[in-house]
Amino acid sequence: IYHAVVQGHPDPLAGTIDAPIGRHPGSSWKFAV
């Protein structure tokens, strides 16, 4: 369990993000959906 402060207000206020993550196509240091 983590706590995070994010910009703005997620909609809905509670939920699930189910999205595959891989290497960012334009950067060897970043990741992306």
PDB file of all heavy atoms in Angstrom:
ATOM      1  N   ILE A   1       0.849  -1.192   0.000  1.00  0.00           N
ATOM      2  CA  ILE A   1       0.000   0.000   0.000  1.00  0.00           C
ATOM      3  C   ILE A   1       0.886   1.243   0.000  1.00  0.00           C
ATOM      4  O   ILE A   1       1.794   1.375   0.827  1.00  0.00           O
ATOM      5  CB  ILE A   1      -0.955   0.010   1.202  1.00  0.00           C
ATOM      6  CG1 ILE A   1      -1.973  -1.130   1.063  1.00  0.00           C
ATOM      7  CG2 ILE A   1      -1.677   1.347   1.314  1.00  0.00           C
ATOM      8  CD1 ILE A   1      -2.963  -1.224   2.196  1.00  0.00           C
ATOM      9  N   TYR A   2       0.603   2.131  -0.931  1.00  0.00           N
ATOM     10  CA  TYR A   2       1.343   3.378  -1.086  1.00  0.00           C
ATOM     11  C   TYR A   2       0.394   4.553  -0.847  1.00  0.00           C
ATOM     12  O   TYR A   2      -0.812   4.440  -1.036  1.00  0.00           O
ATOM     13  CB  TYR A   2       1.903   3.513  -2.502  1.00  0.00           C
ATOM     14  CG  TYR A   2       2.981   2.526  -2.869  1.00  0.00           C
ATOM     15  CD1 TYR A   2       2.694   1.182  -3.066  1.00  0.00           C
ATOM     16  CD2 TYR A   2       4.302   2.947  -3.043  1.00  0.00           C
ATOM     17  CE1 TYR A   2       3.684   0.269  -3.410  1.00  0.00           C
ATOM     18  CE2 TYR A   2       5.300   2.047  -3.389  1.00  0.00           C
ATOM     19  CZ  TYR A   2       4.980   0.712  -3.569  1.00  0.00           C
ATOM     20  OH  TYR A   2       5.960  -0.185  -3.911  1.00  0.00           O
ATOM     21  N   HIS A   3       0.960   5.689  -0.465  1.00  0.00           N
ATOM     22  CA  HIS A   3       0.240   6.949  -0.495  1.00  0.00           C
ATOM     23  C   HIS A   3       0.908   7.831  -1.537  1.00  0.00           C
ATOM     24  O   HIS A   3       2.139   7.835  -1.660  1.00  0.00           O
ATOM     25  CB  HIS A   3       0.249   7.627   0.873  1.00  0.00           C
ATOM     26  CG  HIS A   3      -0.729   7.039   1.846  1.00  0.00           C
ATOM     27  ND1 HIS A   3      -0.997   7.603   3.066  1.00  0.00           N
ATOM     28  CD2 HIS A   3      -1.511   5.929   1.762  1.00  0.00           C
ATOM     29  CE1 HIS A   3      -1.902   6.866   3.696  1.00  0.00           C
ATOM     30  NE2 HIS A   3      -2.226   5.841   2.930  1.00  0.00           N
ATOM     31  N   ALA A   4       0.079   8.532  -2.296  1.00  0.00           N
ATOM     32  CA  ALA A   4       0.588   9.413  -3.345  1.00  0.00           C
ATOM     33  C   ALA A   4      -0.253  10.676  -3.386  1.00  0.00           C
ATOM     34  O   ALA A   4      -1.470  10.628  -3.167  1.00  0.00           O
ATOM     35  CB  ALA A   4       0.539   8.722  -4.716  1.00  0.00           C
ATOM     36  N   VAL A   5       0.393  11.797  -3.637  1.00  0.00           N
ATOM     37  CA  VAL A   5      -0.327  13.031  -3.925  1.00  0.00           C
ATOM     38  C   VAL A   5      -0.222  13.261  -5.423  1.00  0.00           C
ATOM     39  O   VAL A   5       0.883  13.325  -5.968  1.00  0.00           O
ATOM     40  CB  VAL A   5       0.243  14.230  -3.143  1.00  0.00           C
ATOM     41  CG1 VAL A   5      -0.423  15.525  -3.618  1.00  0.00           C
ATOM     42  CG2 VAL A   5       0.008  14.053  -1.641  1.00  0.00           C
ATOM     43  N   VAL A   6      -1.366  13.322  -6.074  1.00  0.00           N
ATOM     44  CA  VAL A   6      -1.401  13.489  -7.525  1.00  0.00           C
ATOM     45  C   VAL A   6      -2.065  14.814  -7.876  1.00  0.00           C
ATOM     46  O   VAL A   6      -2.830  15.373  -7.083  1.00  0.00           O
ATOM     47  CB  VAL A   6      -2.162  12.334  -8.203  1.00  0.00           C
ATOM     48  CG1 VAL A   6      -1.511  10.990  -7.853  1.00  0.00           C
ATOM     49  CG2 VAL A   6      -3.640  12.325  -7.821  1.00  0.00           C
ATOM     50  N   GLN A   7      -1.762  15.309  -9.051  1.00  0.00           N
ATOM     51  CA  GLN A   7      -2.366  16.553  -9.509  1.00  0.00           C
ATOM     52  C   GLN A   7      -3.834  16.336  -9.866  1.00  0.00           C
ATOM     53  O   GLN A   7      -4.198  15.301 -10.430  1.00  0.00           O
ATOM     54  CB  GLN A   7      -1.606  17.082 -10.724  1.00  0.00           C
ATOM     55  CG  GLN A   7      -0.212  17.552 -10.381  1.00  0.00           C
ATOM     56  CD  GLN A   7       0.557  18.085 -11.571  1.00  0.00           C
ATOM     57  OE1 GLN A   7       1.769  18.239 -11.490  1.00  0.00           O
ATOM     58  NE2 GLN A   7      -0.114  18.373 -12.677  1.00  0.00           N
ATOM     59  N   GLY A   8      -4.654  17.310  -9.517  1.00  0.00           N
ATOM     60  CA  GLY A   8      -6.069  17.241  -9.865  1.00  0.00           C
ATOM     61  C   GLY A   8      -6.835  16.256  -9.016  1.00  0.00           C
ATOM     62  O   GLY A   8      -6.400  15.856  -7.924  1.00  0.00           O
ATOM     63  N   HIS A   9      -8.003  15.839  -9.535  1.00  0.00           N
ATOM     64  CA  HIS A   9      -8.906  14.964  -8.794  1.00  0.00           C
ATOM     65  C   HIS A   9      -9.333  13.810  -9.700  1.00  0.00           C
ATOM     66  O   HIS A   9     -10.055  14.030 -10.676  1.00  0.00           O
ATOM     67  CB  HIS A   9     -10.145  15.743  -8.325  1.00  0.00           C
ATOM     68  CG  HIS A   9      -9.805  16.994  -7.585  1.00  0.00           C
ATOM     69  ND1 HIS A   9     -10.055  18.254  -8.084  1.00  0.00           N
ATOM     70  CD2 HIS A   9      -9.180  17.183  -6.393  1.00  0.00           C
ATOM     71  CE1 HIS A   9      -9.626  19.161  -7.219  1.00  0.00           C
ATOM     72  NE2 HIS A   9      -9.085  18.536  -6.189  1.00  0.00           N
ATOM     73  N   PRO A  10      -8.882  12.598  -9.389  1.00  0.00           N
ATOM     74  CA  PRO A  10      -9.264  11.454 -10.233  1.00  0.00           C
ATOM     75  C   PRO A  10     -10.785  11.292 -10.279  1.00  0.00           C
ATOM     76  O   PRO A  10     -11.478  11.528  -9.298  1.00  0.00           O
ATOM     77  CB  PRO A  10      -8.607  10.260  -9.519  1.00  0.00           C
ATOM     78  CG  PRO A  10      -7.472  10.862  -8.751  1.00  0.00           C
ATOM     79  CD  PRO A  10      -7.958  12.213  -8.309  1.00  0.00           C
ATOM     80  N   ASP A  11     -11.285  10.884 -11.424  1.00  0.00           N
ATOM     81  CA  ASP A  11     -12.709  10.653 -11.623  1.00  0.00           C
ATOM     82  C   ASP A  11     -12.876   9.270 -12.252  1.00  0.00           C
ATOM     83  O   ASP A  11     -12.439   9.072 -13.380  1.00  0.00           O
ATOM     84  CB  ASP A  11     -13.293  11.728 -12.537  1.00  0.00           C
ATOM     85  CG  ASP A  11     -14.806  11.597 -12.703  1.00  0.00           C
ATOM     86  OD1 ASP A  11     -15.420  10.840 -11.930  1.00  0.00           O
ATOM     87  OD2 ASP A  11     -15.347  12.234 -13.634  1.00  0.00           O
ATOM     88  N   PRO A  12     -13.431   8.310 -11.494  1.00  0.00           N
ATOM     89  CA  PRO A  12     -14.048   8.438 -10.167  1.00  0.00           C
ATOM     90  C   PRO A  12     -13.009   8.613  -9.059  1.00  0.00           C
ATOM     91  O   PRO A  12     -11.816   8.408  -9.290  1.00  0.00           O
ATOM     92  CB  PRO A  12     -14.795   7.106 -10.017  1.00  0.00           C
ATOM     93  CG  PRO A  12     -14.001   6.140 -10.829  1.00  0.00           C
ATOM     94  CD  PRO A  12     -13.525   6.925 -12.013  1.00  0.00           C
ATOM     95  N   LEU A  13     -13.486   8.953  -7.868  1.00  0.00           N
ATOM     96  CA  LEU A  13     -12.589   9.204  -6.747  1.00  0.00           C
ATOM     97  C   LEU A  13     -11.904   7.936  -6.257  1.00  0.00           C
ATOM     98  O   LEU A  13     -10.874   8.003  -5.586  1.00  0.00           O
ATOM     99  CB  LEU A  13     -13.364   9.856  -5.598  1.00  0.00           C
ATOM    100  CG  LEU A  13     -13.909  11.252  -5.887  1.00  0.00           C
ATOM    101  CD1 LEU A  13     -14.711  11.760  -4.691  1.00  0.00           C
ATOM    102  CD2 LEU A  13     -12.789  12.218  -6.223  1.00  0.00           C
ATOM    103  N   ALA A  14     -12.493   6.781  -6.560  1.00  0.00           N
ATOM    104  CA  ALA A  14     -11.873   5.491  -6.243  1.00  0.00           C
ATOM    105  C   ALA A  14     -12.088   4.571  -7.438  1.00  0.00           C
ATOM    106  O   ALA A  14     -13.140   4.631  -8.096  1.00  0.00           O
ATOM    107  CB  ALA A  14     -12.491   4.881  -4.984  1.00  0.00           C
ATOM    108  N   GLY A  15     -11.111   3.748  -7.728  1.00  0.00           N
ATOM    109  CA  GLY A  15     -11.268   2.878  -8.883  1.00  0.00           C
ATOM    110  C   GLY A  15     -10.051   2.006  -9.110  1.00  0.00           C
ATOM    111  O   GLY A  15      -9.147   1.920  -8.274  1.00  0.00           O
ATOM    112  N   THR A  16     -10.032   1.373 -10.260  1.00  0.00           N
ATOM    113  CA  THR A  16      -8.957   0.472 -10.650  1.00  0.00           C
ATOM    114  C   THR A  16      -8.449   0.857 -12.032  1.00  0.00           C
ATOM    115  O   THR A  16      -9.251   1.104 -12.948  1.00  0.00           O
ATOM    116  CB  THR A  16      -9.447  -0.991 -10.670  1.00  0.00           C
ATOM    117  OG1 THR A  16      -9.808  -1.381  -9.348  1.00  0.00           O
ATOM    118  CG2 THR A  16      -8.366  -1.926 -11.189  1.00  0.00           C
ATOM    119  N   ILE A  17      -7.136   0.908 -12.164  1.00  0.00           N
ATOM    120  CA  ILE A  17      -6.510   1.142 -13.466  1.00  0.00           C
ATOM    121  C   ILE A  17      -5.887  -0.175 -13.907  1.00  0.00           C
ATOM    122  O   ILE A  17      -4.991  -0.704 -13.250  1.00  0.00           O
ATOM    123  CB  ILE A  17      -5.432   2.237 -13.381  1.00  0.00           C
ATOM    124  CG1 ILE A  17      -6.027   3.536 -12.827  1.00  0.00           C
ATOM    125  CG2 ILE A  17      -4.809   2.487 -14.752  1.00  0.00           C
ATOM    126  CD1 ILE A  17      -4.978   4.585 -12.480  1.00  0.00           C
ATOM    127  N   ASP A  18      -6.394  -0.720 -14.987  1.00  0.00           N
ATOM    128  CA  ASP A  18      -5.911  -1.996 -15.529  1.00  0.00           C
ATOM    129  C   ASP A  18      -5.389  -1.716 -16.933  1.00  0.00           C
ATOM    130  O   ASP A  18      -6.153  -1.672 -17.900  1.00  0.00           O
ATOM    131  CB  ASP A  18      -7.054  -3.015 -15.549  1.00  0.00           C
ATOM    132  CG  ASP A  18      -6.595  -4.411 -15.951  1.00  0.00           C
ATOM    133  OD1 ASP A  18      -5.450  -4.546 -16.427  1.00  0.00           O
ATOM    134  OD2 ASP A  18      -7.384  -5.366 -15.805  1.00  0.00           O
ATOM    135  N   ALA A  19      -4.082  -1.469 -17.038  1.00  0.00           N
ATOM    136  CA  ALA A  19      -3.488  -1.096 -18.312  1.00  0.00           C
ATOM    137  C   ALA A  19      -2.056  -1.616 -18.368  1.00  0.00           C
ATOM    138  O   ALA A  19      -1.289  -1.407 -17.425  1.00  0.00           O
ATOM    139  CB  ALA A  19      -3.498   0.426 -18.482  1.00  0.00           C
ATOM    140  N   PRO A  20      -1.666  -2.284 -19.456  1.00  0.00           N
ATOM    141  CA  PRO A  20      -0.318  -2.871 -19.553  1.00  0.00           C
ATOM    142  C   PRO A  20       0.772  -1.812 -19.593  1.00  0.00           C
ATOM    143  O   PRO A  20       0.602  -0.741 -20.182  1.00  0.00           O
ATOM    144  CB  PRO A  20      -0.369  -3.677 -20.848  1.00  0.00           C
ATOM    145  CG  PRO A  20      -1.438  -3.009 -21.658  1.00  0.00           C
ATOM    146  CD  PRO A  20      -2.449  -2.512 -20.676  1.00  0.00           C
ATOM    147  N   ILE A  21       1.894  -2.125 -18.952  1.00  0.00           N
ATOM    148  CA  ILE A  21       3.024  -1.192 -18.892  1.00  0.00           C
ATOM    149  C   ILE A  21       4.249  -1.838 -19.533  1.00  0.00           C
ATOM    150  O   ILE A  21       4.575  -2.994 -19.268  1.00  0.00           O
ATOM    151  CB  ILE A  21       3.333  -0.792 -17.443  1.00  0.00           C
ATOM    152  CG1 ILE A  21       2.194   0.076 -16.876  1.00  0.00           C
ATOM    153  CG2 ILE A  21       4.666  -0.050 -17.340  1.00  0.00           C
ATOM    154  CD1 ILE A  21       2.363   0.446 -15.415  1.00  0.00           C
ATOM    155  N   GLY A  22       4.916  -1.047 -20.385  1.00  0.00           N
ATOM    156  CA  GLY A  22       6.147  -1.497 -21.023  1.00  0.00           C
ATOM    157  C   GLY A  22       7.108  -0.341 -21.183  1.00  0.00           C
ATOM    158  O   GLY A  22       6.840   0.782 -20.737  1.00  0.00           O
ATOM    159  N   ARG A  23       8.214  -0.597 -21.828  1.00  0.00           N
ATOM    160  CA  ARG A  23       9.195   0.459 -22.083  1.00  0.00           C
ATOM    161  C   ARG A  23       8.576   1.561 -22.930  1.00  0.00           C
ATOM    162  O   ARG A  23       7.801   1.306 -23.849  1.00  0.00           O
ATOM    163  CB  ARG A  23      10.403  -0.113 -22.820  1.00  0.00           C
ATOM    164  CG  ARG A  23      11.267  -1.036 -21.962  1.00  0.00           C
ATOM    165  CD  ARG A  23      12.227  -0.246 -21.115  1.00  0.00           C
ATOM    166  NE  ARG A  23      12.950  -1.108 -20.188  1.00  0.00           N
ATOM    167  CZ  ARG A  23      13.890  -0.681 -19.364  1.00  0.00           C
ATOM    168  NH1 ARG A  23      14.207   0.590 -19.331  1.00  0.00           N
ATOM    169  NH2 ARG A  23      14.509  -1.516 -18.550  1.00  0.00           N
ATOM    170  N   HIS A  24       8.923   2.798 -22.608  1.00  0.00           N
ATOM    171  CA  HIS A  24       8.448   3.937 -23.378  1.00  0.00           C
ATOM    172  C   HIS A  24       9.084   3.884 -24.763  1.00  0.00           C
ATOM    173  O   HIS A  24      10.308   3.706 -24.885  1.00  0.00           O
ATOM    174  CB  HIS A  24       8.837   5.235 -22.667  1.00  0.00           C
ATOM    175  CG  HIS A  24       8.152   6.456 -23.196  1.00  0.00           C
ATOM    176  ND1 HIS A  24       8.443   6.994 -24.426  1.00  0.00           N
ATOM    177  CD2 HIS A  24       7.182   7.243 -22.654  1.00  0.00           C
ATOM    178  CE1 HIS A  24       7.699   8.059 -24.624  1.00  0.00           C
ATOM    179  NE2 HIS A  24       6.920   8.224 -23.568  1.00  0.00           N
ATOM    180  N   PRO A  25       8.293   4.018 -25.822  1.00  0.00           N
ATOM    181  CA  PRO A  25       8.865   3.897 -27.166  1.00  0.00           C
ATOM    182  C   PRO A  25       9.889   4.968 -27.512  1.00  0.00           C
ATOM    183  O   PRO A  25      10.714   4.783 -28.405  1.00  0.00           O
ATOM    184  CB  PRO A  25       7.636   4.007 -28.095  1.00  0.00           C
ATOM    185  CG  PRO A  25       6.592   4.695 -27.262  1.00  0.00           C
ATOM    186  CD  PRO A  25       6.839   4.249 -25.851  1.00  0.00           C
ATOM    187  N   GLY A  26       9.874   6.085 -26.782  1.00  0.00           N
ATOM    188  CA  GLY A  26      10.789   7.166 -27.114  1.00  0.00           C
ATOM    189  C   GLY A  26      11.876   7.406 -26.097  1.00  0.00           C
ATOM    190  O   GLY A  26      12.630   8.374 -26.204  1.00  0.00           O
ATOM    191  N   SER A  27      11.976   6.539 -25.067  1.00  0.00           N
ATOM    192  CA  SER A  27      12.969   6.750 -24.022  1.00  0.00           C
ATOM    193  C   SER A  27      13.361   5.421 -23.387  1.00  0.00           C
ATOM    194  O   SER A  27      12.497   4.603 -23.063  1.00  0.00           O
ATOM    195  CB  SER A  27      12.423   7.686 -22.934  1.00  0.00           C
ATOM    196  OG  SER A  27      13.283   7.724 -21.820  1.00  0.00           O
ATOM    197  N   SER A  28      14.663   5.212 -23.204  1.00  0.00           N
ATOM    198  CA  SER A  28      15.129   3.974 -22.571  1.00  0.00           C
ATOM    199  C   SER A  28      15.011   4.033 -21.048  1.00  0.00           C
ATOM    200  O   SER A  28      15.212   3.023 -20.371  1.00  0.00           O
ATOM    201  CB  SER A  28      16.583   3.694 -22.973  1.00  0.00           C
ATOM    202  OG  SER A  28      17.429   4.758 -22.562  1.00  0.00           O
ATOM    203  N   TRP A  29      14.688   5.215 -20.490  1.00  0.00           N
ATOM    204  CA  TRP A  29      14.619   5.376 -19.036  1.00  0.00           C
ATOM    205  C   TRP A  29      13.201   5.415 -18.505  1.00  0.00           C
ATOM    206  O   TRP A  29      12.978   5.239 -17.316  1.00  0.00           O
ATOM    207  CB  TRP A  29      15.341   6.664 -18.616  1.00  0.00           C
ATOM    208  CG  TRP A  29      16.766   6.692 -19.024  1.00  0.00           C
ATOM    209  CD1 TRP A  29      17.328   7.397 -20.041  1.00  0.00           C
ATOM    210  CD2 TRP A  29      17.841   5.951 -18.428  1.00  0.00           C
ATOM    211  NE1 TRP A  29      18.673   7.149 -20.119  1.00  0.00           N
ATOM    212  CE2 TRP A  29      19.025   6.264 -19.145  1.00  0.00           C
ATOM    213  CE3 TRP A  29      17.917   5.056 -17.366  1.00  0.00           C
ATOM    214  CZ2 TRP A  29      20.256   5.713 -18.827  1.00  0.00           C
ATOM    215  CZ3 TRP A  29      19.149   4.504 -17.048  1.00  0.00           C
ATOM    216  CH2 TRP A  29      20.301   4.835 -17.765  1.00  0.00           C
ATOM    217  N   LYS A  30      12.225   5.629 -19.408  1.00  0.00           N
ATOM    218  CA  LYS A  30      10.847   5.779 -18.964  1.00  0.00           C
ATOM    219  C   LYS A  30      10.008   4.551 -19.333  1.00  0.00           C
ATOM    220  O   LYS A  30      10.404   3.736 -20.167  1.00  0.00           O
ATOM    221  CB  LYS A  30      10.217   7.027 -19.611  1.00  0.00           C
ATOM    222  CG  LYS A  30      10.819   8.330 -19.149  1.00  0.00           C
ATOM    223  CD  LYS A  30      10.262   9.502 -19.940  1.00  0.00           C
ATOM    224  CE  LYS A  30       8.779   9.688 -19.780  1.00  0.00           C
ATOM    225  NZ  LYS A  30       8.277  10.898 -20.469  1.00  0.00           N
ATOM    226  N   PHE A  31       8.834   4.486 -18.712  1.00  0.00           N
ATOM    227  CA  PHE A  31       7.876   3.440 -19.030  1.00  0.00           C
ATOM    228  C   PHE A  31       6.562   4.106 -19.430  1.00  0.00           C
ATOM    229  O   PHE A  31       6.364   5.306 -19.216  1.00  0.00           O
ATOM    230  CB  PHE A  31       7.691   2.509 -17.830  1.00  0.00           C
ATOM    231  CG  PHE A  31       8.919   1.686 -17.533  1.00  0.00           C
ATOM    232  CD1 PHE A  31       9.990   2.239 -16.828  1.00  0.00           C
ATOM    233  CD2 PHE A  31       9.022   0.388 -17.977  1.00  0.00           C
ATOM    234  CE1 PHE A  31      11.135   1.490 -16.572  1.00  0.00           C
ATOM    235  CE2 PHE A  31      10.158  -0.363 -17.724  1.00  0.00           C
ATOM    236  CZ  PHE A  31      11.217   0.184 -17.026  1.00  0.00           C
ATOM    237  N   ALA A  32       5.683   3.325 -20.026  1.00  0.00           N
ATOM    238  CA  ALA A  32       4.432   3.890 -20.522  1.00  0.00           C
ATOM    239  C   ALA A  32       3.389   2.784 -20.629  1.00  0.00           C
ATOM    240  O   ALA A  32       3.710   1.593 -20.622  1.00  0.00           O
ATOM    241  CB  ALA A  32       4.648   4.546 -21.886  1.00  0.00           C
ATOM    242  N   VAL A  33       2.127   3.195 -20.718  1.00  0.00           N
ATOM    243  CA  VAL A  33       1.064   2.252 -21.036  1.00  0.00           C
ATOM    244  C   VAL A  33       1.175   1.923 -22.518  1.00  0.00           C
ATOM    245  O   VAL A  33       1.073   2.807 -23.367  1.00  0.00           O
ATOM    246  CB  VAL A  33      -0.318   2.854 -20.707  1.00  0.00           C
ATOM    247  CG1 VAL A  33      -1.434   1.966 -21.250  1.00  0.00           C
ATOM    248  CG2 VAL A  33      -0.479   3.038 -19.199  1.00  0.00           C
TER     249      VAL A  33
END
